[in-house]
Protein backbone atom coordinates (compact mmCIF):
# COMPACT_ATOMS: atom_id res chain seq x y z
CA MET A 1 -3.50 14.85 243.97
CA TYR A 2 -4.97 10.95 243.86
CA ARG A 3 -6.77 9.51 246.82
CA ILE A 4 -5.53 6.66 248.13
CA LEU A 5 -7.27 4.61 251.24
CA LEU A 6 -5.11 1.93 252.87
CA VAL A 7 -7.17 -1.57 254.53
CA ASP A 8 -5.45 -3.86 256.05
CA ASP A 9 -6.24 -5.39 259.74
CA GLU A 10 -2.49 -5.78 260.58
CA ILE A 11 -1.40 -1.71 261.84
CA LEU A 12 2.42 -2.64 261.98
CA VAL A 13 1.48 -3.38 258.40
CA ARG A 14 -0.64 -0.02 257.84
CA ASP A 15 2.06 2.20 259.89
CA ALA A 16 5.02 0.30 257.76
CA ILE A 17 3.32 1.21 254.27
CA ARG A 18 1.83 4.76 255.39
CA GLU A 19 5.61 5.86 256.67
CA ASN A 20 7.60 4.06 254.26
CA ILE A 21 6.04 5.29 251.03
CA ASP A 22 6.55 8.78 249.54
CA TRP A 23 3.27 10.11 249.00
CA LYS A 24 3.27 13.18 247.93
CA GLY A 25 6.67 12.27 246.10
CA ILE A 26 4.23 10.02 243.28
CA GLY A 27 1.49 12.85 243.75
CA CYS A 28 -0.76 10.44 245.78
CA GLU A 29 -2.41 11.09 249.33
CA LEU A 30 -3.10 8.78 251.70
CA VAL A 31 -6.89 9.48 253.13
CA GLY A 32 -7.14 7.22 255.08
CA ASP A 33 -6.37 3.52 256.73
CA CYS A 34 -8.61 1.23 258.24
CA GLU A 35 -8.17 -2.15 259.87
CA ASN A 36 -11.54 -4.13 258.14
CA GLY A 37 -13.29 -3.64 255.05
CA GLN A 38 -16.32 -2.45 257.15
CA VAL A 39 -15.21 0.48 258.79
CA ALA A 40 -13.87 1.37 255.13
CA ALA A 41 -16.58 0.68 253.08
CA GLU A 42 -18.19 3.41 255.75
CA PHE A 43 -15.00 5.12 254.90
CA VAL A 44 -15.85 5.57 251.42
CA LYS A 45 -19.76 6.48 251.30
CA GLN A 46 -18.40 9.43 253.92
CA HIS A 47 -14.84 10.72 251.45
CA PRO A 48 -13.71 10.50 247.93
CA VAL A 49 -11.15 7.75 247.41
CA ASP A 50 -9.56 7.28 243.69
CA ILE A 51 -7.61 4.31 244.64
CA VAL A 52 -8.38 1.14 247.58
CA LEU A 53 -5.12 -0.86 248.66
CA THR A 54 -6.96 -4.18 250.57
CA ASP A 55 -5.54 -7.06 252.64
CA ILE A 56 -7.52 -10.15 252.05
CA LEU A 57 -7.83 -11.73 254.77
CA MET A 58 -9.99 -9.50 257.80
CA PRO A 59 -12.69 -9.54 260.39
CA TYR A 60 -16.13 -8.66 259.90
CA MET A 61 -15.57 -7.74 256.14
CA ASP A 62 -12.98 -9.41 254.33
CA GLY A 63 -11.02 -8.20 250.93
CA MET A 64 -12.98 -10.13 248.58
CA GLU A 65 -16.63 -8.23 249.98
CA LEU A 66 -15.02 -5.18 250.13
CA SER A 67 -13.88 -5.43 246.12
CA HIS A 68 -17.68 -6.52 246.19
CA PHE A 69 -19.14 -3.61 247.90
CA LEU A 70 -16.78 -1.30 245.71
CA HIS A 71 -17.54 -3.02 241.83
CA ASP A 72 -21.15 -2.48 242.76
CA ASN A 73 -21.66 0.75 244.65
CA TYR A 74 -17.88 2.59 243.27
CA PRO A 75 -17.09 1.61 239.69
CA ASP A 76 -15.06 4.23 239.96
CA ILE A 77 -12.43 3.27 242.34
CA VAL A 78 -9.36 1.27 241.35
CA ILE A 79 -8.61 -2.05 243.49
CA VAL A 80 -5.65 -3.14 244.52
CA ILE A 81 -5.70 -5.99 246.70
CA PHE A 82 -2.37 -7.61 248.51
CA SER A 83 -2.30 -11.31 250.46
CA GLY A 84 0.30 -14.40 251.43
CA PHE A 85 0.88 -17.22 249.09
CA GLY A 86 -1.74 -19.11 250.27
CA GLU A 87 -4.10 -16.62 249.47
CA PHE A 88 -2.92 -15.71 246.00
CA GLU A 89 -5.37 -18.13 243.99
CA TYR A 90 -8.25 -17.15 246.00
CA ALA A 91 -7.13 -13.13 245.04
CA LYS A 92 -7.61 -13.85 241.59
CA LYS A 93 -11.51 -14.61 242.18
CA ALA A 94 -11.78 -10.83 242.23
CA ILE A 95 -11.53 -10.65 238.60
CA GLN A 96 -14.97 -10.70 238.42
CA TYR A 97 -14.83 -7.60 241.32
CA ASN A 98 -12.81 -5.90 238.29
CA VAL A 99 -10.12 -5.22 240.74
CA SER A 100 -6.71 -4.22 239.12
CA GLU A 101 -3.68 -5.65 240.53
CA TYR A 102 -2.64 -8.65 242.91
CA MET A 103 0.48 -7.88 244.66
CA LEU A 104 2.60 -10.64 247.00
CA LYS A 105 3.14 -10.40 250.89
CA PRO A 106 5.87 -9.32 251.31
CA ILE A 107 5.82 -5.79 249.47
CA THR A 108 8.49 -3.72 249.18
CA ALA A 109 8.05 0.84 248.97
CA MET A 110 9.30 0.19 246.07
CA GLU A 111 6.90 -2.88 244.58
CA LEU A 112 3.75 -0.61 245.67
CA SER A 113 5.49 2.74 244.82
CA ALA A 114 5.30 0.83 241.08
CA VAL A 115 1.71 0.14 241.39
CA ILE A 116 0.27 2.92 242.57
CA ASN A 117 1.61 5.03 239.31
CA LYS A 118 -0.23 2.08 237.39
CA MET A 119 -3.05 2.72 238.91
CA LYS A 120 -3.28 6.23 238.88
CA GLU A 121 -2.95 5.71 235.16
CA LYS A 122 -6.58 3.31 235.06
CA VAL A 123 -7.94 6.45 237.70
CA ASP A 124 -7.46 8.97 234.71
CA GLN A 125 -8.47 6.59 231.82
CA LYS A 126 -11.63 6.05 234.08
CA GLN A 127 -11.79 9.69 234.80
CA LYS A 128 -11.19 9.98 230.86
CA GLU A 129 -14.55 7.45 230.13
CA LYS A 130 -16.49 9.46 232.38
CA LYS A 131 -15.55 12.00 230.83
CA LYS A 132 -17.10 10.94 227.15
CA LEU A 133 -20.03 10.21 228.59
CA GLU A 134 -21.30 13.23 230.02
CA ASN A 135 -19.99 14.87 227.11
CA LEU A 136 -22.26 12.36 224.94
CA THR A 137 -25.19 12.95 227.16
CA LYS A 138 -24.75 16.47 226.69
CA ALA A 139 -24.43 15.91 222.96
CA SER A 140 -27.81 14.08 223.40
CA GLU A 141 -29.51 16.41 225.82
CA ASN A 142 -28.67 19.45 222.56
CA TYR A 143 -30.04 16.83 220.43
CA ARG A 144 -33.03 16.23 221.83
CA LYS A 145 -33.49 20.26 221.81
CA ASN A 146 -33.41 20.44 217.96
CA ALA A 147 -34.96 20.29 214.65
CA GLN A 148 -33.28 16.60 214.14
CA ILE A 149 -35.50 14.83 216.58
CA ILE A 150 -38.68 16.06 215.14
CA ARG A 151 -37.74 15.17 211.42
CA SER A 152 -36.93 11.27 213.16
CA LYS A 153 -40.49 11.68 214.67
CA ALA A 154 -41.78 12.58 211.03
CA ILE A 155 -40.20 10.16 209.33
CA GLU A 156 -41.01 7.31 211.56
CA ALA A 157 -44.50 8.27 211.74
CA LEU A 158 -44.59 8.33 207.30
CA VAL A 159 -43.03 4.59 207.40
CA ASN A 160 -44.84 2.88 210.36
CA CYS A 161 -48.06 4.17 208.94
CA THR A 162 -49.26 5.60 212.48
CA ARG A 163 -50.54 8.46 211.00
CA ASP A 164 -51.89 9.10 207.38
CA VAL A 165 -49.74 9.11 205.28
CA ASN A 166 -50.49 12.99 203.27
CA GLU A 167 -50.46 14.75 206.96
CA SER A 168 -46.56 13.12 207.05
CA LEU A 169 -45.86 13.94 203.84
CA GLU A 170 -46.88 17.87 204.17
CA GLN A 171 -45.17 17.82 207.15
CA LEU A 172 -41.71 16.42 205.20
CA LYS A 173 -42.04 18.70 202.90
CA SER A 174 -42.32 21.77 205.35
CA MET A 175 -38.87 20.38 205.81
CA GLY A 176 -37.21 19.89 203.01
CA ILE A 177 -37.76 16.54 202.33
CA THR A 178 -39.30 15.55 199.80
CA PHE A 179 -39.85 11.31 198.25
CA ALA A 180 -39.97 10.81 194.36
CA ALA A 181 -38.25 7.26 193.53
CA SER A 182 -39.33 4.55 192.56
CA ASN A 183 -38.31 2.26 194.40
CA TYR A 184 -37.82 2.18 198.79
CA ARG A 185 -36.81 0.35 201.20
CA VAL A 186 -35.98 0.45 205.18
CA ALA A 187 -32.99 -0.99 206.99
CA VAL A 188 -32.83 -0.98 210.68
CA PHE A 189 -29.75 -1.07 212.91
CA ASP A 190 -29.92 -2.59 216.20
CA ILE A 191 -27.00 -2.13 218.60
CA ASP A 192 -26.00 -5.77 219.64
CA ILE A 193 -25.42 -5.19 223.95
CA TYR A 194 -28.21 -2.75 223.93
CA SER A 195 -30.21 -5.74 221.92
CA ASP A 196 -32.54 -8.20 223.68
CA MET A 197 -30.10 -11.08 223.71
CA TYR A 198 -29.09 -8.56 226.69
CA GLN A 199 -30.00 -7.95 230.34
CA LEU A 200 -30.36 -4.46 230.27
CA ASP A 201 -30.12 -1.98 233.41
CA VAL A 202 -31.41 1.41 233.71
CA GLU A 203 -27.08 2.36 233.89
CA LYS A 204 -27.22 0.87 229.86
CA ARG A 205 -30.24 1.91 228.66
CA GLN A 206 -29.78 5.13 229.31
CA GLU A 207 -26.26 4.73 227.39
CA SER A 208 -27.66 2.66 224.49
CA ALA A 209 -30.01 6.24 223.89
CA LEU A 210 -26.31 8.15 223.76
CA MET A 211 -24.56 5.35 221.35
CA ALA A 212 -28.01 5.35 218.86
CA PHE A 213 -27.03 8.99 218.27
CA VAL A 214 -23.21 8.11 217.24
CA LEU A 215 -25.20 5.66 214.89
CA LEU A 216 -27.13 8.27 213.83
CA ASN A 217 -24.90 10.42 213.22
CA VAL A 218 -22.99 8.04 211.35
CA GLY A 219 -25.55 6.85 209.51
CA ASN A 220 -26.60 10.42 208.24
CA GLU A 221 -23.31 11.08 207.07
CA ILE A 222 -22.48 8.01 204.13
CA VAL A 223 -26.25 8.04 203.60
CA ASN A 224 -26.35 12.04 202.61
CA ARG A 225 -23.18 11.70 200.59
CA GLU A 226 -23.90 7.80 198.47
CA ASP A 227 -27.46 10.26 198.06
CA ALA A 228 -29.15 7.36 198.38
CA GLY A 229 -32.13 7.94 201.30
CA ILE A 230 -32.18 9.38 204.80
CA ALA A 231 -31.47 7.99 208.21
CA TYR A 232 -33.34 9.10 211.56
CA GLN A 233 -33.38 7.22 214.82
CA GLU A 234 -36.05 5.23 215.94
CA GLY A 235 -37.63 5.05 219.33
CA ASN A 236 -34.86 5.55 221.88
CA ASN A 237 -32.04 3.45 220.63
CA ARG A 238 -32.54 2.40 217.33
CA VAL A 239 -31.74 4.12 213.58
CA CYS A 240 -33.27 2.81 210.22
CA VAL A 241 -32.18 4.29 206.88
CA LEU A 242 -34.90 4.31 204.45
CA PHE A 243 -33.29 3.96 201.04
CA GLN A 244 -34.44 5.41 197.95
CA GLY A 245 -33.69 4.67 194.05
CA GLY A 246 -34.23 2.54 191.51
CA ARG A 247 -34.08 -1.41 192.03
CA THR A 248 -31.46 -1.71 189.56
CA ARG A 249 -28.40 -4.54 190.63
CA GLU A 250 -26.33 -2.15 191.33
CA PHE A 251 -28.32 0.09 193.39
CA THR A 252 -29.18 -3.36 195.88
CA GLU A 253 -25.46 -3.88 195.89
CA SER A 254 -25.15 0.03 196.79
CA VAL A 255 -27.60 -0.68 199.50
CA LYS A 256 -25.53 -3.17 201.50
CA ARG A 257 -22.52 -1.60 200.87
CA ILE A 258 -23.38 1.05 202.77
CA CYS A 259 -24.99 -0.86 204.95
CA ARG A 260 -21.82 -2.42 205.68
CA GLU A 261 -19.59 1.01 205.61
CA ILE A 262 -21.56 2.20 208.32
CA GLN A 263 -21.78 -1.22 210.58
CA GLN A 264 -17.96 -1.19 210.19
CA LYS A 265 -17.65 2.90 210.15
CA VAL A 266 -19.70 3.02 214.34
CA LYS A 267 -17.03 0.09 215.80
CA GLU A 268 -14.24 2.14 214.63
CA VAL A 269 -16.29 5.07 216.36
CA ILE A 270 -17.64 3.59 219.85
CA GLY A 271 -16.37 -0.37 219.41
CA ILE A 272 -19.55 -2.12 219.02
CA ASP A 273 -21.28 -3.95 216.59
CA VAL A 274 -24.14 -3.15 214.91
CA SER A 275 -26.61 -5.99 213.54
CA ILE A 276 -29.03 -5.11 210.23
CA GLY A 277 -31.56 -5.80 208.79
CA ILE A 278 -32.60 -4.63 205.20
CA GLY A 279 -36.64 -4.89 204.71
CA ASN A 280 -38.01 -5.60 201.07
CA TRP A 281 -38.57 -3.61 198.14
CA VAL A 282 -41.59 -1.85 197.88
CA ARG A 283 -43.01 1.07 195.22
CA SER A 284 -44.93 2.91 197.20
CA LEU A 285 -45.11 4.86 200.39
CA ASP A 286 -48.32 3.59 202.26
CA GLN A 287 -46.12 0.49 201.88
CA LEU A 288 -43.23 1.05 203.41
CA ILE A 289 -44.34 -0.30 207.46
CA LEU A 290 -43.74 -3.68 204.72
CA SER A 291 -40.83 -3.06 203.92
CA HIS A 292 -39.99 -1.71 207.51
CA ASP A 293 -41.47 -5.06 209.24
CA SER A 294 -39.79 -7.42 207.14
CA ALA A 295 -36.64 -4.96 208.17
CA GLU A 296 -37.59 -5.82 211.42
CA LYS A 297 -37.76 -9.75 210.92
CA ALA A 298 -34.50 -10.16 209.63
CA ILE A 299 -33.28 -8.80 213.25
CA GLN A 300 -34.46 -11.36 214.96
CA TYR A 301 -32.17 -14.04 213.00
CA ARG A 302 -29.39 -12.63 215.22
CA TYR A 303 -30.76 -15.23 218.02
CA LEU A 304 -29.92 -17.66 215.49
CA LEU A 305 -27.26 -16.41 214.10
CA GLY A 306 -25.71 -13.96 215.89
CA GLY A 307 -24.90 -10.48 216.45
CA LYS A 308 -22.88 -8.45 213.60
CA LEU A 309 -25.64 -9.65 211.46
CA LEU A 310 -26.30 -8.29 208.06
CA MET A 311 -29.13 -9.78 206.71
CA ASP A 312 -30.80 -8.63 203.41
CA MET A 313 -34.76 -9.65 202.77
CA GLU A 314 -34.51 -9.78 198.89
CA GLU A 315 -31.91 -12.94 199.56
CA CYS A 316 -33.64 -14.89 202.49
CA ASN A 317 -35.65 -17.66 201.65
CA VAL A 318 -37.21 -17.84 205.00
CA ASN A 319 -39.54 -20.81 206.53
CA GLN A 320 -38.44 -23.41 205.29
CA THR A 321 -38.91 -26.85 206.74
CA ILE A 322 -36.33 -29.02 208.08
CA PHE A 323 -36.88 -32.50 208.68
CA LEU A 324 -34.86 -34.06 212.15
CA GLN A 325 -36.11 -37.28 212.05
CA ASP A 326 -33.06 -38.98 209.91
CA SER A 327 -30.54 -37.05 212.10
CA LEU A 328 -32.43 -38.08 215.72
CA GLU A 329 -32.86 -41.91 215.08
CA GLN A 330 -28.53 -41.74 214.09
CA LEU A 331 -27.71 -39.92 217.42
CA ILE A 332 -30.07 -42.48 219.26
CA ASN A 333 -27.90 -45.20 217.55
CA ALA A 334 -24.83 -43.32 218.30
CA VAL A 335 -25.73 -42.74 221.88
CA LYS A 336 -26.96 -46.65 222.43
CA THR A 337 -23.83 -48.02 220.95
CA GLY A 338 -21.58 -45.77 222.61
CA LYS A 339 -19.88 -43.88 219.24
CA LYS A 340 -19.13 -40.57 220.36
CA GLU A 341 -17.72 -39.01 217.39
CA SER A 342 -20.86 -39.75 215.23
CA MET A 343 -22.62 -38.45 217.96
CA GLU A 344 -20.51 -35.70 217.55
CA LEU A 345 -21.44 -35.34 214.07
CA CYS A 346 -25.29 -35.80 214.03
CA LEU A 347 -25.53 -32.08 216.91
CA ALA A 348 -22.62 -30.44 214.04
CA LYS A 349 -25.30 -31.36 211.39
CA MET A 350 -29.06 -30.38 213.25
CA GLU A 351 -27.28 -27.54 214.07
CA GLU A 352 -26.76 -26.12 210.90
CA ASP A 353 -29.56 -27.72 209.65
CA ILE A 354 -31.38 -25.31 212.37
CA LYS A 355 -29.30 -22.24 211.16
CA GLY A 356 -29.59 -23.27 207.41
CA ALA A 357 -33.28 -23.35 207.80
CA LEU A 358 -34.24 -19.30 209.19
CA VAL A 359 -35.89 -20.92 211.52
CA ASP A 360 -37.97 -18.29 213.84
CA LYS A 361 -36.63 -19.40 217.91
CA SER A 362 -39.56 -21.02 218.61
CA ARG A 363 -39.68 -23.85 216.42
CA ALA A 364 -35.27 -23.78 217.15
CA CYS A 365 -36.52 -24.46 220.38
CA ILE A 366 -38.92 -26.95 219.22
CA TYR A 367 -35.73 -28.82 217.34
CA LEU A 368 -33.51 -28.29 220.18
CA GLN A 369 -36.63 -30.01 222.77
CA GLN A 370 -36.60 -33.08 220.22
CA ILE A 371 -32.86 -33.34 220.37
CA ILE A 372 -32.71 -33.47 224.46
CA ARG A 373 -35.51 -36.11 224.51
CA ALA A 374 -33.38 -38.06 222.30
CA VAL A 375 -30.68 -37.96 223.39
CA GLY A 376 -32.72 -38.69 227.12
CA SER A 377 -34.70 -41.16 225.52
CA ALA A 378 -31.67 -43.09 224.51
CA CYS A 379 -30.53 -43.22 227.68
CA MET A 380 -33.19 -44.76 229.28
CA ALA A 381 -33.67 -47.37 225.87
CA VAL A 382 -30.41 -48.61 227.65
CA VAL A 383 -30.46 -48.20 231.07
CA PRO A 384 -34.08 -47.46 232.79
CA ASP A 385 -33.20 -45.84 236.21
CA ILE A 386 -30.87 -43.32 235.07
CA ASP A 387 -32.29 -41.15 236.90
CA GLU A 388 -29.54 -38.21 236.91
CA ILE A 389 -30.72 -38.11 233.10
CA VAL A 390 -33.85 -38.10 233.27
CA ARG A 391 -34.53 -34.86 235.80
CA SER A 392 -31.63 -32.47 234.07
CA ARG A 393 -33.72 -33.39 231.15
CA GLU A 394 -36.87 -31.62 232.70
CA GLU A 395 -34.73 -29.06 233.62
CA LEU A 396 -33.13 -28.45 230.29
CA LEU A 397 -36.28 -28.76 228.22
CA GLN A 398 -37.41 -25.06 230.26
CA LYS A 399 -34.21 -23.72 230.02
CA VAL A 400 -33.23 -24.18 226.24
CA THR A 401 -36.43 -21.47 225.66
CA GLU A 402 -34.67 -19.19 228.12
CA GLN A 403 -31.46 -18.44 226.38
CA LYS A 404 -30.85 -14.92 224.83
CA THR A 405 -29.45 -16.73 221.35
CA PHE A 406 -29.19 -19.87 219.54
CA GLN A 407 -25.68 -20.69 220.71
CA GLN A 408 -25.88 -20.56 223.89
CA ALA A 409 -29.30 -23.15 223.91
CA ILE A 410 -27.48 -24.96 221.55
CA SER A 411 -24.85 -25.10 223.95
CA LEU A 412 -26.22 -26.49 226.77
CA VAL A 413 -27.95 -29.16 224.39
CA LYS A 414 -24.11 -30.21 223.55
CA GLU A 415 -23.12 -30.11 227.44
CA TYR A 416 -26.29 -32.78 227.87
CA ALA A 417 -26.13 -34.76 225.66
CA PHE A 418 -22.29 -35.17 226.52
CA THR A 419 -22.88 -35.70 230.40
CA ALA A 420 -25.67 -38.03 229.49
CA PHE A 421 -23.24 -39.62 227.96
CA GLU A 422 -20.11 -39.78 229.98
CA GLU A 423 -22.80 -41.55 232.47
CA LEU A 424 -23.98 -43.53 230.42
CA MET A 425 -20.42 -45.10 229.71
CA SER A 426 -19.40 -44.91 233.59
CA LEU A 427 -23.09 -46.97 234.08
CA ASN A 428 -22.17 -49.54 231.49
CA SER A 429 -19.32 -49.93 232.84
CA SER A 430 -19.04 -54.03 231.89
CA SER A 431 -19.49 -54.23 228.18
CA GLY A 432 -21.13 -57.50 228.52
CA LYS A 433 -24.07 -55.87 230.72
CA ARG A 434 -24.22 -53.25 228.13
CA GLN A 435 -24.19 -55.54 225.03
CA ALA A 436 -27.22 -57.00 226.55
CA LEU A 437 -29.06 -54.51 227.31
CA LEU A 438 -28.39 -53.15 223.69
CA ALA A 439 -29.62 -56.41 222.06
CA LEU A 440 -33.66 -56.27 224.21
CA ASP A 441 -33.46 -53.16 223.24
CA TYR A 442 -33.14 -54.05 219.43
CA ILE A 443 -35.36 -56.52 219.90
CA GLN A 444 -38.06 -53.52 220.89
CA ASN A 445 -37.55 -52.25 217.77
CA ASN A 446 -37.44 -54.92 215.30
CA TYR A 447 -39.48 -57.38 216.59
CA MET A 448 -41.61 -57.07 213.40
CA ASP A 449 -38.48 -57.94 211.30
CA THR A 450 -38.83 -61.21 209.58
CA GLU A 451 -35.22 -61.55 209.06
CA LEU A 452 -34.59 -60.80 212.89
CA SER A 453 -32.09 -63.91 213.98
CA LEU A 454 -29.12 -63.99 216.88
CA ASN A 455 -26.74 -64.32 213.27
CA SER A 456 -28.22 -60.40 212.77
CA ILE A 457 -28.13 -58.86 216.07
CA CYS A 458 -24.37 -60.05 216.53
CA SER A 459 -23.54 -58.45 213.54
CA TYR A 460 -25.56 -55.24 215.24
CA LEU A 461 -22.95 -55.58 218.13
CA ASN A 462 -20.54 -56.74 216.69
CA ILE A 463 -19.53 -59.57 218.49
CA SER A 464 -19.98 -63.68 218.20
CA THR A 465 -22.94 -65.71 218.84
CA SER A 466 -21.14 -67.88 221.37
CA TYR A 467 -20.11 -64.96 223.10
CA PHE A 468 -23.42 -63.19 222.85
CA SER A 469 -25.31 -66.54 224.43
CA THR A 470 -23.75 -66.46 226.87
CA ILE A 471 -23.90 -62.99 227.72
CA PHE A 472 -27.37 -62.82 226.58
CA LYS A 473 -28.24 -65.66 229.08
CA GLU A 474 -26.26 -64.40 231.84
CA VAL A 475 -28.31 -60.78 232.60
CA THR A 476 -31.78 -61.82 231.33
CA GLY A 477 -32.36 -65.17 232.37
CA GLU A 478 -33.01 -66.28 229.33
CA THR A 479 -32.22 -66.80 225.44
CA PHE A 480 -32.12 -64.94 222.69
CA MET A 481 -35.11 -66.49 221.12
CA GLU A 482 -37.32 -66.72 224.35
CA VAL A 483 -36.80 -62.87 224.66
CA LEU A 484 -38.06 -62.74 220.84
CA ILE A 485 -40.73 -65.16 221.36
CA ARG A 486 -42.39 -63.70 224.41
CA THR A 487 -42.08 -59.76 222.70
CA ARG A 488 -43.45 -61.04 219.58
CA MET A 489 -46.34 -62.61 221.48
CA GLU A 490 -46.98 -59.63 224.21
CA LYS A 491 -46.98 -57.43 220.79
CA ALA A 492 -49.71 -60.03 219.28
CA LYS A 493 -51.93 -59.99 222.51
CA GLU A 494 -52.22 -56.26 221.65
CA PHE A 495 -53.15 -56.47 218.59
CA LEU A 496 -55.63 -59.52 219.55
CA THR A 497 -57.12 -57.40 222.49
CA ASN A 498 -57.73 -53.86 220.63
CA THR A 499 -57.58 -54.70 216.75
CA THR A 500 -60.11 -56.72 214.11
CA LEU A 501 -57.11 -57.40 212.13
CA LYS A 502 -56.68 -60.82 210.87
CA ASN A 503 -54.34 -63.94 212.76
CA TYR A 504 -52.28 -63.94 209.36
CA GLU A 505 -52.16 -60.11 209.16
CA ILE A 506 -50.67 -59.67 212.86
CA ALA A 507 -48.72 -62.95 212.44
CA GLU A 508 -46.40 -60.20 209.52
CA LYS A 509 -47.18 -57.78 211.77
CA VAL A 510 -44.81 -59.41 214.62
CA GLY A 511 -42.75 -60.78 212.68
CA PHE A 512 -43.95 -64.36 211.88
CA SER A 513 -43.65 -64.66 207.50
CA ASP A 514 -45.84 -68.30 208.09
CA PRO A 515 -48.90 -67.81 210.30
CA HIS A 516 -49.30 -71.78 210.65
CA TYR A 517 -46.82 -71.64 212.46
CA PHE A 518 -47.42 -67.85 214.85
CA GLY A 519 -50.70 -69.81 215.66
CA ILE A 520 -48.60 -73.12 216.98
CA SER A 521 -45.84 -70.69 219.17
CA PHE A 522 -48.70 -68.16 220.58
CA LYS A 523 -50.83 -70.92 221.75
CA LYS A 524 -47.99 -72.82 223.28
CA MET A 525 -47.08 -69.85 225.30
CA THR A 526 -50.83 -68.76 226.17
CA GLY A 527 -52.31 -72.20 225.88
CA LYS A 528 -55.15 -70.58 223.57
CA THR A 529 -54.98 -70.21 219.80
CA PRO A 530 -54.72 -66.38 218.64
CA THR A 531 -58.76 -66.91 217.58
CA GLU A 532 -59.87 -68.06 221.12
CA TYR A 533 -57.63 -65.79 222.53
CA ALA A 534 -59.01 -62.37 220.95
CA ARG A 535 -62.90 -63.82 221.32
CA GLU A 536 -62.13 -63.68 225.04
CA LYS A 537 -60.46 -60.30 225.23
CA ARG A 538 -62.86 -59.10 222.39
CA ARG A 539 -66.43 -59.93 224.54
């Protein structure tokens, strides 16, 4: 009999459901009816329950809170929520609490009976899964009592050099295991959902050991069939294969084929993905640790490339250096000029460049932080007081390093870039103001160009000189040439104060092709010649 608990604050509803359902006829027993979630929670603590039928709106503890409580403390209980029309969309949010069904009031006896019959199947499925887990636990306990764990520990000690190689070989020889190959390599198998990509609770850690046992059995079966080496368990939840054979093209392909078959078989048997790192070839048993370490390094690329990984370190060109400077400059320009498509292309290219370089997590995060800073700088160059973007940038710089995968981190970076872009567009709703601000930024970055002129900046902004001159004066209060000369003079002052450069050298650095004209312009603005200014400042 399936035990059912009814929860509703309306006594008439509870009475109607209790009296109009043929409980025995559908193989169920109504073990209790409660007037709110708080009473129901106490009831469940004292009595076994299979299915809970609950209303949404109730005093003290409503149906959502009850669902949350049951999800956290009694995950085997199947939950059905029924609610009024206005609460129905709200009820659907309870999916996070594994609510199995939602019913809209009023409910007929026939409808409720049909749903209960469907929920009985869910109860059966949960009990079947629980039984399966119990069987796995029992199998795991039996496994730990037999010689297989001793064998695994002995091979692990050999591979990881945690004891003398000769001692390990003697122990393994007594178990009938010998090594006489010309070459060896180690493959490390790591189950994705139990890796450091995810936050594991105690239950998941226990479950991981059981699944690793299944992975070991699958690995043993396939490796033994191919006579390619030996599988062993490493720690509680990892499996390794020590391959042994000639370093031929055929055997190298065979190693990858075997690994792929194990990966696929485990997916079929227990429905989980496994990542595999295949270490480099070594010639002697005392070098196995080198192959194992390179296999572990391959597994770490899961951060960058995602799960279900199969990485052969013999084929990897690692430790590549990439230079994002050109892409970052293109990104900055795209953000400043409001070219969303160009921004998207830049971000996509940098994502592929980082992945293609097979950099480690720390370097990948450095590159992502460069992208974040570039977007923030582009925004501030156009709108200096864009406070929200600056604030979120500082938070994100730390947040990207906390993500478990590169995909999660790059998604945050892209979200920030698009948010910043849209914010910039909305703040610069006036195209005239935006173009004037872009012009100021352009002057700051190109003042040293002797060819910089009104025509060149209008070509950059793609507007006419007359329109630009008008909006630039309205926004800044100065003409383009006044701003350019002032900018060049300010830069010249810095050189004259802080360097020993000659006047003609400074003239060239601030965009004057004629040193004589530079001197005239400088005296006109400051009242002093460059030499007089330098002498005064360098005392």
